[in-house]
N, C-alpha and C. Protein backbone atom coordinates (compact mmCIF):
# COMPACT_ATOMS: atom_id res chain seq x y z
N MET A 1 -22.25 -111.26 -21.52
CA MET A 1 -21.83 -110.46 -22.41
C MET A 1 -21.03 -109.40 -21.82
N ARG A 2 -19.90 -109.33 -22.52
CA ARG A 2 -18.87 -108.20 -21.94
C ARG A 2 -19.47 -106.91 -22.67
N ARG A 3 -19.08 -105.53 -21.87
CA ARG A 3 -19.17 -104.59 -22.23
C ARG A 3 -17.75 -103.62 -22.72
N SER A 4 -17.94 -102.72 -23.62
CA SER A 4 -16.66 -102.29 -24.21
C SER A 4 -16.98 -100.66 -24.36
N ASP A 5 -15.79 -100.04 -23.92
CA ASP A 5 -15.78 -98.61 -24.08
C ASP A 5 -15.60 -98.12 -25.64
N LEU A 6 -16.47 -97.81 -26.20
CA LEU A 6 -16.37 -97.28 -27.68
C LEU A 6 -15.15 -96.40 -28.01
N LYS A 7 -15.05 -95.23 -27.24
CA LYS A 7 -14.22 -94.38 -27.33
C LYS A 7 -12.56 -94.89 -26.87
N GLY A 8 -12.61 -95.23 -25.79
CA GLY A 8 -11.11 -95.92 -25.36
C GLY A 8 -10.76 -97.25 -25.56
N LYS A 9 -11.65 -97.80 -26.58
CA LYS A 9 -11.29 -99.44 -27.11
C LYS A 9 -11.32 -100.17 -25.78
N ARG A 10 -11.63 -100.42 -24.85
CA ARG A 10 -11.16 -101.16 -23.98
C ARG A 10 -12.44 -101.97 -23.31
N ILE A 11 -11.92 -103.06 -22.72
CA ILE A 11 -13.54 -104.03 -22.21
C ILE A 11 -13.36 -103.56 -20.70
N PHE A 12 -14.60 -103.24 -20.22
CA PHE A 12 -14.78 -103.05 -18.82
C PHE A 12 -14.91 -104.32 -18.03
N GLU A 13 -14.57 -104.42 -16.83
CA GLU A 13 -14.71 -105.78 -15.98
C GLU A 13 -15.99 -105.79 -15.29
N VAL A 14 -16.66 -104.72 -15.03
CA VAL A 14 -18.02 -105.04 -14.44
C VAL A 14 -19.11 -104.62 -15.23
N GLY A 15 -20.37 -104.42 -15.44
CA GLY A 15 -21.42 -104.37 -16.20
C GLY A 15 -21.67 -105.14 -17.02
N GLU A 16 -21.40 -106.81 -16.81
CA GLU A 16 -21.69 -107.51 -17.97
C GLU A 16 -23.29 -108.09 -18.05
N LYS A 17 -23.45 -108.20 -19.20
CA LYS A 17 -25.18 -108.63 -19.22
C LYS A 17 -25.25 -109.98 -19.55
N TYR A 18 -26.50 -110.64 -19.01
CA TYR A 18 -26.73 -112.11 -19.26
C TYR A 18 -27.89 -112.19 -20.06
N TYR A 19 -28.05 -113.07 -21.27
CA TYR A 19 -29.21 -113.17 -21.87
C TYR A 19 -29.38 -115.14 -21.95
N PHE A 20 -30.97 -115.38 -21.91
CA PHE A 20 -31.26 -116.49 -22.28
C PHE A 20 -30.90 -117.14 -23.44
N GLU A 21 -30.68 -118.25 -23.43
CA GLU A 21 -30.57 -118.81 -24.92
C GLU A 21 -31.78 -119.36 -25.20
N ASP A 22 -32.66 -119.35 -24.88
CA ASP A 22 -34.21 -119.87 -24.99
C ASP A 22 -35.03 -119.26 -24.50
N LEU A 23 -35.80 -118.17 -25.12
CA LEU A 23 -36.68 -117.28 -24.75
C LEU A 23 -38.27 -118.03 -23.76
N GLY A 24 -38.35 -119.30 -24.21
CA GLY A 24 -39.25 -120.25 -23.61
C GLY A 24 -38.83 -120.27 -22.39
N VAL A 25 -37.38 -120.95 -21.66
CA VAL A 25 -37.08 -121.19 -20.70
C VAL A 25 -36.99 -119.58 -19.71
N ARG A 26 -36.73 -118.70 -20.44
CA ARG A 26 -36.90 -117.45 -19.82
C ARG A 26 -38.22 -117.11 -19.03
N GLY A 27 -39.29 -117.19 -20.00
CA GLY A 27 -40.65 -117.37 -19.39
C GLY A 27 -41.08 -118.31 -18.28
N ALA A 28 -40.69 -119.25 -18.74
CA ALA A 28 -41.01 -120.21 -17.37
C ALA A 28 -40.07 -119.80 -16.14
N VAL A 29 -39.27 -119.23 -16.20
CA VAL A 29 -38.20 -119.02 -15.08
C VAL A 29 -39.19 -117.98 -14.49
N ARG A 30 -38.90 -116.70 -15.34
CA ARG A 30 -39.38 -115.63 -14.70
C ARG A 30 -41.02 -115.14 -14.87
N GLY A 31 -41.85 -116.32 -15.60
CA GLY A 31 -43.01 -115.57 -15.94
C GLY A 31 -43.01 -114.44 -16.73
N PHE A 32 -44.50 -114.01 -17.41
CA PHE A 32 -44.53 -113.22 -18.22
C PHE A 32 -44.77 -111.78 -17.32
N ARG A 33 -44.27 -110.77 -17.55
CA ARG A 33 -44.42 -109.30 -17.04
C ARG A 33 -44.47 -108.53 -17.89
N GLU A 34 -45.15 -107.87 -17.81
CA GLU A 34 -45.46 -106.76 -19.12
C GLU A 34 -44.19 -105.40 -19.25
N GLU A 35 -43.76 -105.37 -18.25
CA GLU A 35 -42.52 -104.23 -18.12
C GLU A 35 -41.30 -105.23 -18.50
N ASP A 36 -41.34 -106.51 -18.85
CA ASP A 36 -40.13 -107.02 -19.27
C ASP A 36 -40.18 -107.08 -20.84
N VAL A 37 -41.05 -106.62 -21.33
CA VAL A 37 -41.13 -106.79 -23.03
C VAL A 37 -39.85 -106.30 -23.84
N GLY A 38 -39.41 -105.00 -23.21
CA GLY A 38 -38.13 -104.51 -23.55
C GLY A 38 -36.84 -105.45 -23.55
N ARG A 39 -36.94 -106.33 -22.54
CA ARG A 39 -35.82 -107.15 -22.11
C ARG A 39 -35.82 -108.51 -23.09
N VAL A 40 -37.01 -108.87 -23.46
CA VAL A 40 -37.35 -109.79 -24.31
C VAL A 40 -36.87 -109.41 -25.56
N VAL A 41 -37.11 -108.36 -26.00
CA VAL A 41 -36.88 -107.76 -27.48
C VAL A 41 -35.37 -107.58 -27.53
N GLU A 42 -34.73 -107.40 -26.55
CA GLU A 42 -33.17 -107.15 -26.59
C GLU A 42 -32.81 -108.51 -26.47
N ASN A 43 -33.19 -109.48 -25.65
CA ASN A 43 -32.78 -111.00 -25.91
C ASN A 43 -32.83 -111.61 -27.21
N ALA A 44 -34.05 -111.39 -27.81
CA ALA A 44 -34.25 -111.91 -29.19
C ALA A 44 -33.08 -111.13 -29.95
N VAL A 45 -33.04 -109.99 -30.06
CA VAL A 45 -31.83 -109.40 -30.96
C VAL A 45 -30.68 -109.97 -30.74
N PHE A 46 -30.24 -110.19 -29.52
CA PHE A 46 -29.01 -110.84 -29.12
C PHE A 46 -29.04 -112.18 -29.77
N LEU A 47 -29.72 -113.18 -29.65
CA LEU A 47 -29.96 -114.49 -30.07
C LEU A 47 -29.70 -114.33 -31.51
N ARG A 48 -30.50 -113.39 -32.15
CA ARG A 48 -30.39 -113.52 -33.80
C ARG A 48 -28.73 -113.21 -34.29
N LEU A 49 -28.32 -112.17 -33.41
CA LEU A 49 -26.65 -111.75 -33.96
C LEU A 49 -26.04 -112.82 -33.47
N VAL A 50 -26.09 -113.65 -32.71
CA VAL A 50 -24.91 -114.73 -32.08
C VAL A 50 -25.26 -115.91 -33.33
N ALA A 51 -26.74 -116.39 -33.72
CA ALA A 51 -26.96 -117.31 -34.51
C ALA A 51 -26.22 -116.78 -35.70
N ASP A 52 -26.10 -115.58 -36.35
CA ASP A 52 -25.78 -115.35 -37.44
C ASP A 52 -24.04 -114.98 -37.62
N GLY A 53 -23.34 -115.51 -36.45
CA GLY A 53 -21.82 -115.57 -36.28
C GLY A 53 -21.53 -114.34 -35.73
N TRP A 54 -22.18 -113.36 -35.06
CA TRP A 54 -21.47 -112.15 -34.58
C TRP A 54 -20.88 -112.35 -33.19
N SER A 55 -19.65 -111.85 -33.04
CA SER A 55 -19.00 -111.65 -31.91
C SER A 55 -19.98 -110.43 -31.02
N VAL A 56 -20.63 -110.63 -29.77
CA VAL A 56 -21.26 -109.35 -29.45
C VAL A 56 -20.94 -108.83 -28.05
N THR A 57 -20.75 -107.53 -27.70
CA THR A 57 -20.57 -107.00 -26.76
C THR A 57 -21.76 -105.76 -26.62
N SER A 58 -21.52 -105.30 -25.43
CA SER A 58 -22.44 -104.07 -25.33
C SER A 58 -21.19 -102.73 -25.25
N GLY A 59 -21.57 -101.71 -25.65
CA GLY A 59 -20.84 -100.45 -25.59
C GLY A 59 -21.38 -99.73 -24.98
N ALA A 60 -20.33 -98.53 -24.36
CA ALA A 60 -20.51 -97.49 -23.60
C ALA A 60 -19.89 -96.38 -24.38
N LEU A 61 -20.51 -95.22 -24.46
CA LEU A 61 -20.10 -94.16 -25.13
C LEU A 61 -20.51 -92.83 -24.17
N GLY A 62 -19.34 -92.84 -23.34
CA GLY A 62 -19.66 -91.85 -22.17
C GLY A 62 -20.35 -92.43 -21.55
N ASP A 63 -21.63 -91.65 -21.01
CA ASP A 63 -22.75 -91.98 -20.27
C ASP A 63 -23.87 -92.62 -20.97
N ARG A 64 -23.63 -92.76 -22.31
CA ARG A 64 -24.50 -93.64 -23.08
C ARG A 64 -24.17 -94.89 -23.26
N GLU A 65 -25.36 -95.81 -23.36
CA GLU A 65 -25.20 -97.18 -23.74
C GLU A 65 -25.49 -97.67 -25.14
N ILE A 66 -24.94 -98.54 -25.84
CA ILE A 66 -25.08 -98.95 -27.00
C ILE A 66 -25.45 -100.57 -26.91
N ASP A 67 -26.56 -100.94 -27.13
CA ASP A 67 -27.02 -102.30 -26.39
C ASP A 67 -26.12 -103.39 -26.97
N PHE A 68 -25.71 -103.22 -28.42
CA PHE A 68 -24.96 -104.20 -28.95
C PHE A 68 -24.00 -103.63 -30.03
N VAL A 69 -22.73 -104.18 -29.77
CA VAL A 69 -21.66 -103.67 -30.71
C VAL A 69 -21.16 -105.39 -31.22
N ALA A 70 -21.47 -105.37 -32.61
CA ALA A 70 -21.48 -106.66 -33.15
C ALA A 70 -20.36 -106.93 -34.09
N GLU A 71 -19.45 -107.83 -34.05
CA GLU A 71 -18.20 -107.81 -35.09
C GLU A 71 -17.91 -109.14 -35.45
N ARG A 72 -17.85 -109.27 -36.74
CA ARG A 72 -17.52 -110.59 -37.54
C ARG A 72 -16.45 -110.18 -38.77
N GLY A 73 -15.23 -110.74 -38.43
CA GLY A 73 -14.23 -110.73 -39.46
C GLY A 73 -13.82 -108.83 -39.20
N GLN A 74 -13.89 -108.28 -40.29
CA GLN A 74 -13.78 -106.91 -40.29
C GLN A 74 -15.06 -106.06 -40.08
N GLU A 75 -16.11 -106.81 -40.28
CA GLU A 75 -17.40 -105.98 -40.21
C GLU A 75 -17.85 -105.72 -38.70
N ARG A 76 -18.51 -104.91 -38.87
CA ARG A 76 -19.26 -104.19 -37.31
C ARG A 76 -20.36 -103.59 -37.45
N ILE A 77 -21.47 -103.98 -36.96
CA ILE A 77 -22.64 -103.20 -36.73
C ILE A 77 -23.08 -102.83 -35.18
N TYR A 78 -23.82 -101.77 -35.29
CA TYR A 78 -24.13 -101.24 -33.76
C TYR A 78 -25.58 -101.21 -33.79
N VAL A 79 -26.39 -101.80 -32.80
CA VAL A 79 -27.66 -102.09 -32.58
C VAL A 79 -28.35 -101.68 -31.24
N GLN A 80 -29.21 -101.11 -31.52
CA GLN A 80 -30.09 -100.58 -30.26
C GLN A 80 -31.49 -101.31 -30.38
N ALA A 81 -31.98 -101.96 -29.19
CA ALA A 81 -32.99 -103.09 -29.30
C ALA A 81 -34.09 -102.22 -28.20
N ALA A 82 -35.22 -101.98 -28.87
CA ALA A 82 -36.47 -101.37 -27.86
C ALA A 82 -37.71 -101.99 -28.35
N TYR A 83 -38.42 -101.84 -27.23
CA TYR A 83 -40.05 -102.50 -27.51
C TYR A 83 -40.63 -101.56 -28.33
N LEU A 84 -40.77 -100.05 -28.11
CA LEU A 84 -41.45 -99.12 -28.84
C LEU A 84 -40.44 -97.83 -29.02
N VAL A 85 -40.56 -97.26 -30.19
CA VAL A 85 -39.61 -96.15 -30.17
C VAL A 85 -40.52 -94.88 -30.87
N ALA A 86 -42.09 -94.82 -30.62
CA ALA A 86 -42.95 -93.89 -30.97
C ALA A 86 -42.85 -92.69 -30.33
N ASP A 87 -42.55 -92.71 -29.04
CA ASP A 87 -42.42 -91.52 -28.14
C ASP A 87 -41.18 -90.67 -28.51
N ALA A 88 -41.19 -89.35 -28.34
CA ALA A 88 -40.28 -88.54 -28.79
C ALA A 88 -38.94 -89.03 -27.71
N ALA A 89 -39.13 -89.05 -26.72
CA ALA A 89 -37.84 -89.35 -25.56
C ALA A 89 -37.14 -90.50 -25.86
N THR A 90 -37.73 -91.53 -26.20
CA THR A 90 -37.39 -92.81 -26.62
C THR A 90 -36.71 -92.70 -27.80
N ARG A 91 -37.41 -92.23 -28.84
CA ARG A 91 -36.76 -92.36 -29.98
C ARG A 91 -35.57 -91.46 -29.94
N GLN A 92 -35.38 -90.32 -29.33
CA GLN A 92 -34.20 -89.46 -29.01
C GLN A 92 -33.07 -90.22 -28.40
N ARG A 93 -33.23 -91.24 -27.60
CA ARG A 93 -32.62 -91.98 -26.51
C ARG A 93 -31.97 -93.17 -27.90
N GLU A 94 -32.57 -93.59 -28.29
CA GLU A 94 -32.35 -95.07 -29.28
C GLU A 94 -31.45 -94.58 -30.26
N PHE A 95 -32.14 -93.70 -31.09
CA PHE A 95 -31.29 -92.98 -32.36
C PHE A 95 -30.23 -92.11 -31.93
N GLY A 96 -30.60 -91.18 -30.75
CA GLY A 96 -29.41 -90.33 -30.49
C GLY A 96 -28.00 -91.10 -30.21
N ASN A 97 -28.19 -92.21 -29.52
CA ASN A 97 -27.05 -92.83 -29.22
C ASN A 97 -26.24 -93.16 -30.33
N LEU A 98 -26.65 -93.78 -31.12
CA LEU A 98 -26.22 -94.31 -32.37
C LEU A 98 -25.45 -93.15 -33.12
N LEU A 99 -26.00 -92.14 -33.11
CA LEU A 99 -25.76 -90.92 -34.09
C LEU A 99 -24.47 -90.47 -33.22
N GLN A 100 -24.09 -90.50 -31.96
CA GLN A 100 -23.10 -90.07 -31.01
C GLN A 100 -22.19 -90.87 -31.68
N ILE A 101 -22.02 -91.90 -32.46
CA ILE A 101 -20.72 -92.84 -33.08
C ILE A 101 -20.20 -92.35 -34.02
N ASN A 102 -19.03 -91.86 -34.00
CA ASN A 102 -18.30 -91.24 -35.45
C ASN A 102 -17.61 -92.24 -36.36
N ASP A 103 -18.24 -93.08 -36.78
CA ASP A 103 -17.58 -94.07 -37.94
C ASP A 103 -18.49 -94.61 -38.90
N ASN A 104 -18.09 -95.09 -39.84
CA ASN A 104 -19.16 -95.38 -41.00
C ASN A 104 -19.90 -96.86 -41.05
N PHE A 105 -19.65 -97.76 -39.51
CA PHE A 105 -20.50 -98.89 -39.61
C PHE A 105 -21.81 -98.64 -39.57
N PRO A 106 -22.75 -99.78 -39.77
CA PRO A 106 -24.06 -99.59 -39.92
C PRO A 106 -24.51 -99.43 -38.55
N LYS A 107 -25.56 -98.83 -38.37
CA LYS A 107 -26.22 -98.40 -37.15
C LYS A 107 -27.73 -98.92 -37.31
N LEU A 108 -28.20 -99.35 -36.50
CA LEU A 108 -29.54 -99.78 -36.29
C LEU A 108 -30.31 -99.98 -35.22
N VAL A 109 -31.71 -99.51 -35.37
CA VAL A 109 -32.46 -99.53 -34.18
C VAL A 109 -33.64 -100.74 -34.57
N VAL A 110 -33.93 -101.67 -33.49
CA VAL A 110 -34.82 -102.86 -34.04
C VAL A 110 -35.80 -102.55 -32.75
N SER A 111 -37.01 -102.60 -33.25
CA SER A 111 -38.27 -102.43 -32.15
C SER A 111 -39.60 -103.18 -32.97
N MET A 112 -40.42 -103.18 -31.82
CA MET A 112 -41.73 -103.79 -32.34
C MET A 112 -42.81 -102.82 -32.98
N ASP A 113 -42.30 -101.62 -33.40
CA ASP A 113 -43.38 -100.49 -33.89
C ASP A 113 -43.90 -101.30 -35.34
N PRO A 114 -45.01 -100.87 -35.34
CA PRO A 114 -45.59 -101.22 -36.66
C PRO A 114 -45.30 -100.63 -37.78
N ALA A 115 -44.77 -99.36 -37.66
CA ALA A 115 -44.31 -98.73 -38.60
C ALA A 115 -42.94 -98.28 -38.48
N VAL A 116 -41.64 -98.19 -39.36
CA VAL A 116 -40.67 -97.81 -39.04
C VAL A 116 -40.11 -96.98 -40.14
N ALA A 117 -39.24 -96.10 -39.57
CA ALA A 117 -38.67 -94.97 -40.16
C ALA A 117 -37.20 -94.57 -40.17
N ASP A 118 -36.20 -94.64 -41.01
CA ASP A 118 -34.67 -94.57 -40.80
C ASP A 118 -34.64 -92.74 -40.31
N LEU A 119 -33.50 -92.54 -39.60
CA LEU A 119 -33.32 -91.24 -39.29
C LEU A 119 -31.86 -91.20 -39.23
N LYS A 120 -31.87 -90.07 -40.45
CA LYS A 120 -30.25 -89.53 -40.61
C LYS A 120 -29.03 -90.76 -40.45
N GLY A 121 -29.63 -91.74 -41.46
CA GLY A 121 -28.54 -92.84 -41.67
C GLY A 121 -28.71 -93.85 -40.78
N VAL A 122 -29.40 -94.10 -40.04
CA VAL A 122 -29.65 -94.96 -38.90
C VAL A 122 -30.83 -95.77 -39.13
N ARG A 123 -30.71 -97.10 -39.61
CA ARG A 123 -31.91 -97.71 -39.92
C ARG A 123 -32.82 -98.41 -39.00
N HIS A 124 -33.76 -98.54 -39.24
CA HIS A 124 -35.04 -98.81 -38.13
C HIS A 124 -35.93 -100.05 -38.56
N LEU A 125 -35.30 -101.46 -37.90
CA LEU A 125 -36.16 -102.45 -38.38
C LEU A 125 -37.26 -103.07 -37.43
N ARG A 126 -38.18 -103.55 -37.89
CA ARG A 126 -39.05 -104.34 -37.32
C ARG A 126 -38.58 -105.54 -36.57
N LEU A 127 -38.87 -105.87 -35.24
CA LEU A 127 -38.24 -106.92 -34.63
C LEU A 127 -38.63 -108.34 -35.36
N ARG A 128 -39.77 -108.55 -35.88
CA ARG A 128 -40.08 -109.43 -36.58
C ARG A 128 -39.15 -110.17 -37.93
N ASP A 129 -38.94 -108.77 -38.73
CA ASP A 129 -38.13 -108.95 -39.85
C ASP A 129 -36.62 -108.99 -39.61
N PHE A 130 -35.97 -108.57 -38.48
CA PHE A 130 -34.84 -108.73 -38.09
C PHE A 130 -34.71 -110.25 -37.95
N VAL A 131 -35.60 -110.38 -36.82
CA VAL A 131 -35.56 -112.33 -36.55
C VAL A 131 -35.53 -112.95 -37.73
N ARG A 132 -36.39 -112.81 -38.59
CA ARG A 132 -36.45 -113.68 -39.84
C ARG A 132 -35.33 -113.61 -40.97
N ASP A 133 -34.77 -112.18 -41.20
CA ASP A 133 -33.70 -112.04 -42.35
C ASP A 133 -32.40 -111.70 -41.59
N GLY A 134 -32.41 -111.11 -40.52
CA GLY A 134 -31.15 -110.50 -39.79
C GLY A 134 -31.16 -109.15 -40.30
N TRP A 135 -29.86 -108.56 -39.90
CA TRP A 135 -29.80 -106.96 -40.25
C TRP A 135 -29.78 -106.69 -41.60
N MET A 136 -29.77 -107.36 -42.64
CA MET A 136 -29.88 -106.64 -43.91
C MET A 136 -31.40 -106.56 -44.51
N SER A 137 -32.20 -106.94 -43.55
CA SER A 137 -33.74 -107.10 -43.96
C SER A 137 -34.24 -105.58 -44.07
N ARG A 138 -35.38 -105.82 -44.74
CA ARG A 138 -36.12 -104.45 -45.19
C ARG A 138 -37.44 -104.71 -44.77
N ASP A 139 -38.35 -103.96 -44.44
CA ASP A 139 -39.79 -104.30 -44.42
C ASP A 139 -40.46 -105.29 -45.07
N GLY A 140 -40.96 -106.10 -44.39
CA GLY A 140 -41.65 -107.41 -45.17
C GLY A 140 -43.03 -107.40 -44.86
N ASP A 141 -43.61 -108.32 -45.47
CA ASP A 141 -45.20 -108.68 -45.36
C ASP A 141 -45.47 -109.15 -44.13
């Protein structure tokens, strides 16, 4: 996946990310490691965005990273993926990166937290709801 500069609107030539198309293959190749859960969450979010027809890059905003900048026609969404955002430092990083983007496109954080709470217009979605329903989902059963 390419990486783009959100301020300068250019594509970087280094810093590409790679994702597995099948998370089962990833598990077979790498085995399960608890420290990889965040990467698996990110991979699942990427797969759902691509399945929904989004063109996906990662974004850079100065020294901050935006996990996914997804575009489809004139639509754009920004997505941060994280295992859990319960602690203050992680919450600040994930939501804070999105709050630095000065446009009106939707911004969301996807995590495995059991309870989610939006923050200053940034939506917080549970991974299972996002994978099941896409970015327009709301808390489900």
